[in-house]
Amino acid sequence: MLTGGCLCGGVRFEITGEIGSPSFCHCSQCRHASGSAFATNAGISAADFHLRAGADLVREYESSPGQFRAFCSRCGSPVYSRRRDHPELFTITDGLPQLERGDA
């Protein structure tokens, strides 16, 4: 299981299933969103993503047609992204400090 949250601690989530292999994206959208030369992302099943706190803080922004980036409205931390044409999949930003691997 993987747990995590945003910088301010208002949003908490857990991922109960497998996490896909990380990928590095250098597109302009990912560079802008990450503030870096690339973003490290991993795919997960939407059914395995569970918000445990702060659902009222999560906002989505349609960064390009059909692509939504979810973030904490208080601190701006990324939470997940999703595509309208693949509702069964989410993408998380892998390797951020808010991701905590463990059993509980």
PDB file of N, CA and C in Angstrom:
ATOM      1  N   MET A   1       0.849  -1.169   0.000  1.00  0.00           N
ATOM      2  CA  MET A   1       0.000   0.000   0.000  1.00  0.00           C
ATOM      3  C   MET A   1       0.899   1.239   0.000  1.00  0.00           C
ATOM      4  N   LEU A   2       0.411   2.281  -0.621  1.00  0.00           N
ATOM      5  CA  LEU A   2       1.107   3.556  -0.680  1.00  0.00           C
ATOM      6  C   LEU A   2       0.182   4.608  -0.109  1.00  0.00           C
ATOM      7  N   THR A   3       0.676   5.412   0.795  1.00  0.00           N
ATOM      8  CA  THR A   3      -0.113   6.512   1.338  1.00  0.00           C
ATOM      9  C   THR A   3       0.583   7.812   0.993  1.00  0.00           C
ATOM     10  N   GLY A   4      -0.155   8.883   1.017  1.00  0.00           N
ATOM     11  CA  GLY A   4       0.447  10.160   0.714  1.00  0.00           C
ATOM     12  C   GLY A   4      -0.496  11.299   0.985  1.00  0.00           C
ATOM     13  N   GLY A   5      -0.040  12.463   0.676  1.00  0.00           N
ATOM     14  CA  GLY A   5      -0.843  13.643   0.895  1.00  0.00           C
ATOM     15  C   GLY A   5      -0.167  14.864   0.328  1.00  0.00           C
ATOM     16  N   CYS A   6      -0.806  15.978   0.539  1.00  0.00           N
ATOM     17  CA  CYS A   6      -0.302  17.239   0.018  1.00  0.00           C
ATOM     18  C   CYS A   6       0.658  17.884   1.014  1.00  0.00           C
ATOM     19  N   LEU A   7       1.252  18.984   0.613  1.00  0.00           N
ATOM     20  CA  LEU A   7       2.229  19.686   1.433  1.00  0.00           C
ATOM     21  C   LEU A   7       1.636  20.193   2.741  1.00  0.00           C
ATOM     22  N   CYS A   8       0.409  20.711   2.717  1.00  0.00           N
ATOM     23  CA  CYS A   8      -0.195  21.263   3.936  1.00  0.00           C
ATOM     24  C   CYS A   8      -0.838  20.190   4.808  1.00  0.00           C
ATOM     25  N   GLY A   9      -0.958  18.963   4.308  1.00  0.00           N
ATOM     26  CA  GLY A   9      -1.542  17.872   5.079  1.00  0.00           C
ATOM     27  C   GLY A   9      -3.057  17.792   5.020  1.00  0.00           C
ATOM     28  N   GLY A  10      -3.689  18.687   4.305  1.00  0.00           N
ATOM     29  CA  GLY A  10      -5.147  18.688   4.216  1.00  0.00           C
ATOM     30  C   GLY A  10      -5.711  17.549   3.394  1.00  0.00           C
ATOM     31  N   VAL A  11      -4.997  17.132   2.345  1.00  0.00           N
ATOM     32  CA  VAL A  11      -5.422  16.019   1.488  1.00  0.00           C
ATOM     33  C   VAL A  11      -4.584  14.803   1.843  1.00  0.00           C
ATOM     34  N   ARG A  12      -5.242  13.691   2.118  1.00  0.00           N
ATOM     35  CA  ARG A  12      -4.577  12.418   2.385  1.00  0.00           C
ATOM     36  C   ARG A  12      -5.211  11.357   1.495  1.00  0.00           C
ATOM     37  N   PHE A  13      -4.384  10.461   0.978  1.00  0.00           N
ATOM     38  CA  PHE A  13      -4.893   9.400   0.111  1.00  0.00           C
ATOM     39  C   PHE A  13      -4.118   8.124   0.343  1.00  0.00           C
ATOM     40  N   GLU A  14      -4.676   7.017  -0.163  1.00  0.00           N
ATOM     41  CA  GLU A  14      -3.953   5.758  -0.188  1.00  0.00           C
ATOM     42  C   GLU A  14      -4.207   5.077  -1.519  1.00  0.00           C
ATOM     43  N   ILE A  15      -3.229   4.295  -1.927  1.00  0.00           N
ATOM     44  CA  ILE A  15      -3.310   3.514  -3.157  1.00  0.00           C
ATOM     45  C   ILE A  15      -3.143   2.063  -2.749  1.00  0.00           C
ATOM     46  N   THR A  16      -4.160   1.265  -3.020  1.00  0.00           N
ATOM     47  CA  THR A  16      -4.175  -0.113  -2.535  1.00  0.00           C
ATOM     48  C   THR A  16      -3.706  -1.133  -3.566  1.00  0.00           C
ATOM     49  N   GLY A  17      -3.552  -0.728  -4.807  1.00  0.00           N
ATOM     50  CA  GLY A  17      -3.158  -1.670  -5.845  1.00  0.00           C
ATOM     51  C   GLY A  17      -1.749  -1.431  -6.352  1.00  0.00           C
ATOM     52  N   GLU A  18      -1.443  -2.078  -7.443  1.00  0.00           N
ATOM     53  CA  GLU A  18      -0.126  -1.969  -8.057  1.00  0.00           C
ATOM     54  C   GLU A  18       0.062  -0.596  -8.691  1.00  0.00           C
ATOM     55  N   ILE A  19       1.281  -0.149  -8.645  1.00  0.00           N
ATOM     56  CA  ILE A  19       1.665   1.104  -9.284  1.00  0.00           C
ATOM     57  C   ILE A  19       2.470   0.749 -10.522  1.00  0.00           C
ATOM     58  N   GLY A  20       2.129   1.377 -11.633  1.00  0.00           N
ATOM     59  CA  GLY A  20       2.831   1.100 -12.877  1.00  0.00           C
ATOM     60  C   GLY A  20       4.272   1.577 -12.847  1.00  0.00           C
ATOM     61  N   SER A  21       5.013   1.186 -13.839  1.00  0.00           N
ATOM     62  CA  SER A  21       6.407   1.616 -13.955  1.00  0.00           C
ATOM     63  C   SER A  21       6.466   3.127 -14.138  1.00  0.00           C
ATOM     64  N   PRO A  22       7.430   3.759 -13.518  1.00  0.00           N
ATOM     65  CA  PRO A  22       7.549   5.212 -13.688  1.00  0.00           C
ATOM     66  C   PRO A  22       7.950   5.562 -15.114  1.00  0.00           C
ATOM     67  N   SER A  23       7.490   6.705 -15.552  1.00  0.00           N
ATOM     68  CA  SER A  23       7.881   7.225 -16.858  1.00  0.00           C
ATOM     69  C   SER A  23       8.283   8.683 -16.676  1.00  0.00           C
ATOM     70  N   PHE A  24       9.145   9.131 -17.548  1.00  0.00           N
ATOM     71  CA  PHE A  24       9.630  10.504 -17.491  1.00  0.00           C
ATOM     72  C   PHE A  24       9.092  11.249 -18.700  1.00  0.00           C
ATOM     73  N   CYS A  25       8.323  12.287 -18.444  1.00  0.00           N
ATOM     74  CA  CYS A  25       7.724  13.044 -19.530  1.00  0.00           C
ATOM     75  C   CYS A  25       8.380  14.419 -19.612  1.00  0.00           C
ATOM     76  N   HIS A  26       8.760  14.801 -20.826  1.00  0.00           N
ATOM     77  CA  HIS A  26       9.422  16.080 -21.067  1.00  0.00           C
ATOM     78  C   HIS A  26       8.527  17.045 -21.838  1.00  0.00           C
ATOM     79  N   CYS A  27       7.236  16.747 -21.974  1.00  0.00           N
ATOM     80  CA  CYS A  27       6.350  17.632 -22.736  1.00  0.00           C
ATOM     81  C   CYS A  27       6.204  18.975 -22.011  1.00  0.00           C
ATOM     82  N   SER A  28       5.780  19.983 -22.738  1.00  0.00           N
ATOM     83  CA  SER A  28       5.696  21.320 -22.139  1.00  0.00           C
ATOM     84  C   SER A  28       4.689  21.371 -20.991  1.00  0.00           C
ATOM     85  N   GLN A  29       3.595  20.609 -21.077  1.00  0.00           N
ATOM     86  CA  GLN A  29       2.614  20.584 -19.987  1.00  0.00           C
ATOM     87  C   GLN A  29       3.241  20.034 -18.707  1.00  0.00           C
ATOM     88  N   CYS A  30       3.957  18.929 -18.801  1.00  0.00           N
ATOM     89  CA  CYS A  30       4.583  18.330 -17.617  1.00  0.00           C
ATOM     90  C   CYS A  30       5.699  19.211 -17.075  1.00  0.00           C
ATOM     91  N   ARG A  31       6.462  19.856 -17.965  1.00  0.00           N
ATOM     92  CA  ARG A  31       7.516  20.759 -17.496  1.00  0.00           C
ATOM     93  C   ARG A  31       6.915  21.937 -16.734  1.00  0.00           C
ATOM     94  N   HIS A  32       5.827  22.495 -17.257  1.00  0.00           N
ATOM     95  CA  HIS A  32       5.171  23.603 -16.556  1.00  0.00           C
ATOM     96  C   HIS A  32       4.596  23.153 -15.214  1.00  0.00           C
ATOM     97  N   ALA A  33       3.924  22.020 -15.200  1.00  0.00           N
ATOM     98  CA  ALA A  33       3.269  21.534 -13.978  1.00  0.00           C
ATOM     99  C   ALA A  33       4.272  21.151 -12.895  1.00  0.00           C
ATOM    100  N   SER A  34       5.423  20.613 -13.299  1.00  0.00           N
ATOM    101  CA  SER A  34       6.405  20.160 -12.311  1.00  0.00           C
ATOM    102  C   SER A  34       7.414  21.241 -11.945  1.00  0.00           C
ATOM    103  N   GLY A  35       7.539  22.256 -12.779  1.00  0.00           N
ATOM    104  CA  GLY A  35       8.553  23.275 -12.535  1.00  0.00           C
ATOM    105  C   GLY A  35       9.955  22.740 -12.734  1.00  0.00           C
ATOM    106  N   SER A  36      10.092  21.724 -13.566  1.00  0.00           N
ATOM    107  CA  SER A  36      11.369  21.053 -13.771  1.00  0.00           C
ATOM    108  C   SER A  36      11.520  20.696 -15.243  1.00  0.00           C
ATOM    109  N   ALA A  37      12.627  20.053 -15.581  1.00  0.00           N
ATOM    110  CA  ALA A  37      12.886  19.644 -16.960  1.00  0.00           C
ATOM    111  C   ALA A  37      12.024  18.468 -17.393  1.00  0.00           C
ATOM    112  N   PHE A  38      11.448  17.749 -16.428  1.00  0.00           N
ATOM    113  CA  PHE A  38      10.589  16.609 -16.729  1.00  0.00           C
ATOM    114  C   PHE A  38       9.738  16.297 -15.507  1.00  0.00           C
ATOM    115  N   ALA A  39       8.747  15.443 -15.694  1.00  0.00           N
ATOM    116  CA  ALA A  39       7.924  14.945 -14.592  1.00  0.00           C
ATOM    117  C   ALA A  39       8.060  13.432 -14.545  1.00  0.00           C
ATOM    118  N   THR A  40       8.083  12.887 -13.352  1.00  0.00           N
ATOM    119  CA  THR A  40       8.122  11.439 -13.163  1.00  0.00           C
ATOM    120  C   THR A  40       6.720  10.999 -12.758  1.00  0.00           C
ATOM    121  N   ASN A  41       6.084  10.203 -13.602  1.00  0.00           N
ATOM    122  CA  ASN A  41       4.698   9.788 -13.398  1.00  0.00           C
ATOM    123  C   ASN A  41       4.585   8.278 -13.405  1.00  0.00           C
ATOM    124  N   ALA A  42       3.530   7.782 -12.761  1.00  0.00           N
ATOM    125  CA  ALA A  42       3.227   6.351 -12.778  1.00  0.00           C
ATOM    126  C   ALA A  42       1.719   6.176 -12.848  1.00  0.00           C
ATOM    127  N   GLY A  43       1.269   5.185 -13.584  1.00  0.00           N
ATOM    128  CA  GLY A  43      -0.150   4.900 -13.718  1.00  0.00           C
ATOM    129  C   GLY A  43      -0.655   3.992 -12.608  1.00  0.00           C
ATOM    130  N   ILE A  44      -1.910   4.209 -12.241  1.00  0.00           N
ATOM    131  CA  ILE A  44      -2.587   3.358 -11.254  1.00  0.00           C
ATOM    132  C   ILE A  44      -4.031   3.175 -11.697  1.00  0.00           C
ATOM    133  N   SER A  45      -4.677   2.171 -11.148  1.00  0.00           N
ATOM    134  CA  SER A  45      -6.103   1.976 -11.376  1.00  0.00           C
ATOM    135  C   SER A  45      -6.871   3.006 -10.552  1.00  0.00           C
ATOM    136  N   ALA A  46      -7.829   3.685 -11.169  1.00  0.00           N
ATOM    137  CA  ALA A  46      -8.649   4.656 -10.438  1.00  0.00           C
ATOM    138  C   ALA A  46      -9.366   3.989  -9.272  1.00  0.00           C
ATOM    139  N   ALA A  47      -9.725   2.722  -9.418  1.00  0.00           N
ATOM    140  CA  ALA A  47     -10.420   2.000  -8.342  1.00  0.00           C
ATOM    141  C   ALA A  47      -9.525   1.769  -7.132  1.00  0.00           C
ATOM    142  N   ASP A  48      -8.205   1.860  -7.303  1.00  0.00           N
ATOM    143  CA  ASP A  48      -7.263   1.650  -6.208  1.00  0.00           C
ATOM    144  C   ASP A  48      -6.861   2.942  -5.502  1.00  0.00           C
ATOM    145  N   PHE A  49      -7.369   4.078  -5.965  1.00  0.00           N
ATOM    146  CA  PHE A  49      -7.045   5.377  -5.373  1.00  0.00           C
ATOM    147  C   PHE A  49      -8.176   5.779  -4.433  1.00  0.00           C
ATOM    148  N   HIS A  50      -7.834   6.063  -3.169  1.00  0.00           N
ATOM    149  CA  HIS A  50      -8.849   6.387  -2.164  1.00  0.00           C
ATOM    150  C   HIS A  50      -8.461   7.655  -1.411  1.00  0.00           C
ATOM    151  N   LEU A  51      -9.290   8.693  -1.535  1.00  0.00           N
ATOM    152  CA  LEU A  51      -9.084   9.898  -0.739  1.00  0.00           C
ATOM    153  C   LEU A  51      -9.535   9.603   0.678  1.00  0.00           C
ATOM    154  N   ARG A  52      -8.677   9.831   1.656  1.00  0.00           N
ATOM    155  CA  ARG A  52      -8.995   9.575   3.056  1.00  0.00           C
ATOM    156  C   ARG A  52      -9.297  10.856   3.821  1.00  0.00           C
ATOM    157  N   ALA A  53      -8.852  11.986   3.300  1.00  0.00           N
ATOM    158  CA  ALA A  53      -9.132  13.283   3.931  1.00  0.00           C
ATOM    159  C   ALA A  53      -8.966  14.370   2.878  1.00  0.00           C
ATOM    160  N   GLY A  54      -9.719  15.442   3.029  1.00  0.00           N
ATOM    161  CA  GLY A  54      -9.537  16.612   2.195  1.00  0.00           C
ATOM    162  C   GLY A  54     -10.183  16.589   0.829  1.00  0.00           C
ATOM    163  N   ALA A  55     -11.178  15.737   0.618  1.00  0.00           N
ATOM    164  CA  ALA A  55     -11.841  15.711  -0.688  1.00  0.00           C
ATOM    165  C   ALA A  55     -12.377  17.090  -1.073  1.00  0.00           C
ATOM    166  N   ASP A  56     -12.787  17.871  -0.072  1.00  0.00           N
ATOM    167  CA  ASP A  56     -13.307  19.210  -0.340  1.00  0.00           C
ATOM    168  C   ASP A  56     -12.216  20.182  -0.783  1.00  0.00           C
ATOM    169  N   LEU A  57     -10.948  19.830  -0.590  1.00  0.00           N
ATOM    170  CA  LEU A  57      -9.831  20.680  -1.006  1.00  0.00           C
ATOM    171  C   LEU A  57      -9.340  20.368  -2.412  1.00  0.00           C
ATOM    172  N   VAL A  58      -9.700  19.205  -2.949  1.00  0.00           N
ATOM    173  CA  VAL A  58      -9.201  18.783  -4.255  1.00  0.00           C
ATOM    174  C   VAL A  58      -9.966  19.513  -5.362  1.00  0.00           C
ATOM    175  N   ARG A  59      -9.208  20.144  -6.241  1.00  0.00           N
ATOM    176  CA  ARG A  59      -9.765  20.816  -7.413  1.00  0.00           C
ATOM    177  C   ARG A  59      -9.107  20.216  -8.645  1.00  0.00           C
ATOM    178  N   GLU A  60      -9.822  20.257  -9.763  1.00  0.00           N
ATOM    179  CA  GLU A  60      -9.267  19.776 -11.022  1.00  0.00           C
ATOM    180  C   GLU A  60      -9.176  20.921 -12.018  1.00  0.00           C
ATOM    181  N   TYR A  61      -8.122  20.887 -12.804  1.00  0.00           N
ATOM    182  CA  TYR A  61      -7.893  21.860 -13.858  1.00  0.00           C
ATOM    183  C   TYR A  61      -7.736  21.102 -15.171  1.00  0.00           C
ATOM    184  N   GLU A  62      -8.481  21.497 -16.191  1.00  0.00           N
ATOM    185  CA  GLU A  62      -8.372  20.855 -17.504  1.00  0.00           C
ATOM    186  C   GLU A  62      -7.207  21.511 -18.244  1.00  0.00           C
ATOM    187  N   SER A  63      -6.023  20.898 -18.136  1.00  0.00           N
ATOM    188  CA  SER A  63      -4.794  21.479 -18.675  1.00  0.00           C
ATOM    189  C   SER A  63      -4.708  21.388 -20.195  1.00  0.00           C
ATOM    190  N   SER A  64      -5.365  20.432 -20.769  1.00  0.00           N
ATOM    191  CA  SER A  64      -5.526  20.303 -22.215  1.00  0.00           C
ATOM    192  C   SER A  64      -6.828  19.541 -22.421  1.00  0.00           C
ATOM    193  N   PRO A  65      -7.399  19.575 -23.608  1.00  0.00           N
ATOM    194  CA  PRO A  65      -8.706  18.940 -23.797  1.00  0.00           C
ATOM    195  C   PRO A  65      -8.737  17.484 -23.322  1.00  0.00           C
ATOM    196  N   GLY A  66      -9.594  17.226 -22.338  1.00  0.00           N
ATOM    197  CA  GLY A  66      -9.772  15.876 -21.818  1.00  0.00           C
ATOM    198  C   GLY A  66      -8.755  15.433 -20.783  1.00  0.00           C
ATOM    199  N   GLN A  67      -7.771  16.275 -20.462  1.00  0.00           N
ATOM    200  CA  GLN A  67      -6.730  15.947 -19.477  1.00  0.00           C
ATOM    201  C   GLN A  67      -6.932  16.824 -18.249  1.00  0.00           C
ATOM    202  N   PHE A  68      -7.142  16.194 -17.085  1.00  0.00           N
ATOM    203  CA  PHE A  68      -7.416  16.918 -15.848  1.00  0.00           C
ATOM    204  C   PHE A  68      -6.306  16.669 -14.836  1.00  0.00           C
ATOM    205  N   ARG A  69      -5.815  17.737 -14.231  1.00  0.00           N
ATOM    206  CA  ARG A  69      -4.804  17.660 -13.182  1.00  0.00           C
ATOM    207  C   ARG A  69      -5.471  18.059 -11.871  1.00  0.00           C
ATOM    208  N   ALA A  70      -5.447  17.164 -10.895  1.00  0.00           N
ATOM    209  CA  ALA A  70      -6.056  17.430  -9.595  1.00  0.00           C
ATOM    210  C   ALA A  70      -4.976  17.914  -8.637  1.00  0.00           C
ATOM    211  N   PHE A  71      -5.342  18.871  -7.797  1.00  0.00           N
ATOM    212  CA  PHE A  71      -4.387  19.463  -6.878  1.00  0.00           C
ATOM    213  C   PHE A  71      -5.095  19.927  -5.609  1.00  0.00           C
ATOM    214  N   CYS A  72      -4.332  20.159  -4.561  1.00  0.00           N
ATOM    215  CA  CYS A  72      -4.877  20.703  -3.319  1.00  0.00           C
ATOM    216  C   CYS A  72      -5.087  22.200  -3.526  1.00  0.00           C
ATOM    217  N   SER A  73      -6.289  22.676  -3.261  1.00  0.00           N
ATOM    218  CA  SER A  73      -6.600  24.097  -3.467  1.00  0.00           C
ATOM    219  C   SER A  73      -5.974  24.990  -2.403  1.00  0.00           C
ATOM    220  N   ARG A  74      -5.472  24.403  -1.338  1.00  0.00           N
ATOM    221  CA  ARG A  74      -4.832  25.203  -0.284  1.00  0.00           C
ATOM    222  C   ARG A  74      -3.342  25.406  -0.560  1.00  0.00           C
ATOM    223  N   CYS A  75      -2.615  24.324  -0.872  1.00  0.00           N
ATOM    224  CA  CYS A  75      -1.164  24.440  -1.036  1.00  0.00           C
ATOM    225  C   CYS A  75      -0.678  24.226  -2.466  1.00  0.00           C
ATOM    226  N   GLY A  76      -1.543  23.738  -3.352  1.00  0.00           N
ATOM    227  CA  GLY A  76      -1.180  23.561  -4.755  1.00  0.00           C
ATOM    228  C   GLY A  76      -0.493  22.253  -5.098  1.00  0.00           C
ATOM    229  N   SER A  77      -0.311  21.367  -4.135  1.00  0.00           N
ATOM    230  CA  SER A  77       0.359  20.092  -4.413  1.00  0.00           C
ATOM    231  C   SER A  77      -0.447  19.251  -5.395  1.00  0.00           C
ATOM    232  N   PRO A  78       0.232  18.589  -6.347  1.00  0.00           N
ATOM    233  CA  PRO A  78      -0.477  17.683  -7.244  1.00  0.00           C
ATOM    234  C   PRO A  78      -0.982  16.464  -6.475  1.00  0.00           C
ATOM    235  N   VAL A  79      -2.167  15.977  -6.859  1.00  0.00           N
ATOM    236  CA  VAL A  79      -2.745  14.796  -6.212  1.00  0.00           C
ATOM    237  C   VAL A  79      -2.809  13.647  -7.219  1.00  0.00           C
ATOM    238  N   TYR A  80      -3.397  13.863  -8.378  1.00  0.00           N
ATOM    239  CA  TYR A  80      -3.458  12.873  -9.450  1.00  0.00           C
ATOM    240  C   TYR A  80      -3.784  13.600 -10.736  1.00  0.00           C
ATOM    241  N   SER A  81      -3.701  12.897 -11.846  1.00  0.00           N
ATOM    242  CA  SER A  81      -4.241  13.402 -13.100  1.00  0.00           C
ATOM    243  C   SER A  81      -5.048  12.276 -13.727  1.00  0.00           C
ATOM    244  N   ARG A  82      -5.960  12.674 -14.597  1.00  0.00           N
ATOM    245  CA  ARG A  82      -6.821  11.686 -15.250  1.00  0.00           C
ATOM    246  C   ARG A  82      -7.193  12.187 -16.636  1.00  0.00           C
ATOM    247  N   ARG A  83      -7.600  11.242 -17.460  1.00  0.00           N
ATOM    248  CA  ARG A  83      -8.052  11.561 -18.821  1.00  0.00           C
ATOM    249  C   ARG A  83      -9.520  11.177 -18.959  1.00  0.00           C
ATOM    250  N   ARG A  84     -10.255  12.020 -19.619  1.00  0.00           N
ATOM    251  CA  ARG A  84     -11.679  11.767 -19.828  1.00  0.00           C
ATOM    252  C   ARG A  84     -11.902  10.466 -20.603  1.00  0.00           C
ATOM    253  N   ASP A  85     -11.037  10.171 -21.572  1.00  0.00           N
ATOM    254  CA  ASP A  85     -11.230   8.987 -22.415  1.00  0.00           C
ATOM    255  C   ASP A  85     -10.724   7.689 -21.776  1.00  0.00           C
ATOM    256  N   HIS A  86     -10.128   7.761 -20.596  1.00  0.00           N
ATOM    257  CA  HIS A  86      -9.688   6.568 -19.861  1.00  0.00           C
ATOM    258  C   HIS A  86     -10.002   6.738 -18.373  1.00  0.00           C
ATOM    259  N   PRO A  87     -11.295   6.740 -18.003  1.00  0.00           N
ATOM    260  CA  PRO A  87     -11.673   7.003 -16.608  1.00  0.00           C
ATOM    261  C   PRO A  87     -11.195   5.930 -15.623  1.00  0.00           C
ATOM    262  N   GLU A  88     -10.803   4.783 -16.123  1.00  0.00           N
ATOM    263  CA  GLU A  88     -10.353   3.702 -15.233  1.00  0.00           C
ATOM    264  C   GLU A  88      -8.908   3.885 -14.767  1.00  0.00           C
ATOM    265  N   LEU A  89      -8.201   4.878 -15.320  1.00  0.00           N
ATOM    266  CA  LEU A  89      -6.795   5.091 -14.999  1.00  0.00           C
ATOM    267  C   LEU A  89      -6.557   6.464 -14.386  1.00  0.00           C
ATOM    268  N   PHE A  90      -5.670   6.525 -13.425  1.00  0.00           N
ATOM    269  CA  PHE A  90      -5.160   7.777 -12.875  1.00  0.00           C
ATOM    270  C   PHE A  90      -3.652   7.762 -13.079  1.00  0.00           C
ATOM    271  N   THR A  91      -3.052   8.918 -13.040  1.00  0.00           N
ATOM    272  CA  THR A  91      -1.605   9.050 -13.034  1.00  0.00           C
ATOM    273  C   THR A  91      -1.224   9.816 -11.783  1.00  0.00           C
ATOM    274  N   ILE A  92      -0.200   9.346 -11.102  1.00  0.00           N
ATOM    275  CA  ILE A  92       0.307  10.066  -9.938  1.00  0.00           C
ATOM    276  C   ILE A  92       1.722  10.521 -10.247  1.00  0.00           C
ATOM    277  N   THR A  93       2.135  11.575  -9.581  1.00  0.00           N
ATOM    278  CA  THR A  93       3.505  12.042  -9.686  1.00  0.00           C
ATOM    279  C   THR A  93       4.324  11.209  -8.725  1.00  0.00           C
ATOM    280  N   ASP A  94       5.187  10.400  -9.256  1.00  0.00           N
ATOM    281  CA  ASP A  94       5.958   9.464  -8.442  1.00  0.00           C
ATOM    282  C   ASP A  94       7.232  10.128  -7.931  1.00  0.00           C
ATOM    283  N   GLY A  95       7.640   9.735  -6.757  1.00  0.00           N
ATOM    284  CA  GLY A  95       8.896  10.193  -6.207  1.00  0.00           C
ATOM    285  C   GLY A  95       8.820  11.476  -5.409  1.00  0.00           C
ATOM    286  N   LEU A  96       7.629  12.017  -5.217  1.00  0.00           N
ATOM    287  CA  LEU A  96       7.512  13.215  -4.396  1.00  0.00           C
ATOM    288  C   LEU A  96       7.549  12.847  -2.925  1.00  0.00           C
ATOM    289  N   PRO A  97       7.935  13.772  -2.061  1.00  0.00           N
ATOM    290  CA  PRO A  97       8.015  13.464  -0.626  1.00  0.00           C
ATOM    291  C   PRO A  97       6.703  13.019  -0.007  1.00  0.00           C
ATOM    292  N   GLN A  98       5.563  13.388  -0.595  1.00  0.00           N
ATOM    293  CA  GLN A  98       4.307  13.013   0.024  1.00  0.00           C
ATOM    294  C   GLN A  98       3.956  11.539  -0.163  1.00  0.00           C
ATOM    295  N   LEU A  99       4.699  10.808  -0.949  1.00  0.00           N
ATOM    296  CA  LEU A  99       4.436   9.384  -1.132  1.00  0.00           C
ATOM    297  C   LEU A  99       5.204   8.587  -0.084  1.00  0.00           C
ATOM    298  N   GLU A 100       4.482   7.768   0.647  1.00  0.00           N
ATOM    299  CA  GLU A 100       5.083   6.993   1.721  1.00  0.00           C
ATOM    300  C   GLU A 100       4.755   5.522   1.515  1.00  0.00           C
ATOM    301  N   ARG A 101       5.750   4.741   1.240  1.00  0.00           N
ATOM    302  CA  ARG A 101       5.526   3.319   1.032  1.00  0.00           C
ATOM    303  C   ARG A 101       5.524   2.604   2.374  1.00  0.00           C
ATOM    304  N   GLY A 102       4.592   1.673   2.545  1.00  0.00           N
ATOM    305  CA  GLY A 102       4.530   0.946   3.800  1.00  0.00           C
ATOM    306  C   GLY A 102       3.286   0.099   3.874  1.00  0.00           C
ATOM    307  N   ASP A 103       3.099  -0.548   4.989  1.00  0.00           N
ATOM    308  CA  ASP A 103       1.962  -1.440   5.180  1.00  0.00           C
ATOM    309  C   ASP A 103       0.785  -0.771   5.875  1.00  0.00           C
ATOM    310  N   ALA A 104       0.956   0.414   6.409  1.00  0.00           N
ATOM    311  CA  ALA A 104      -0.155   1.058   7.110  1.00  0.00           C
ATOM    312  C   ALA A 104      -0.172   2.532   6.985  1.00  0.00           C
TER     313      ALA A 104
END
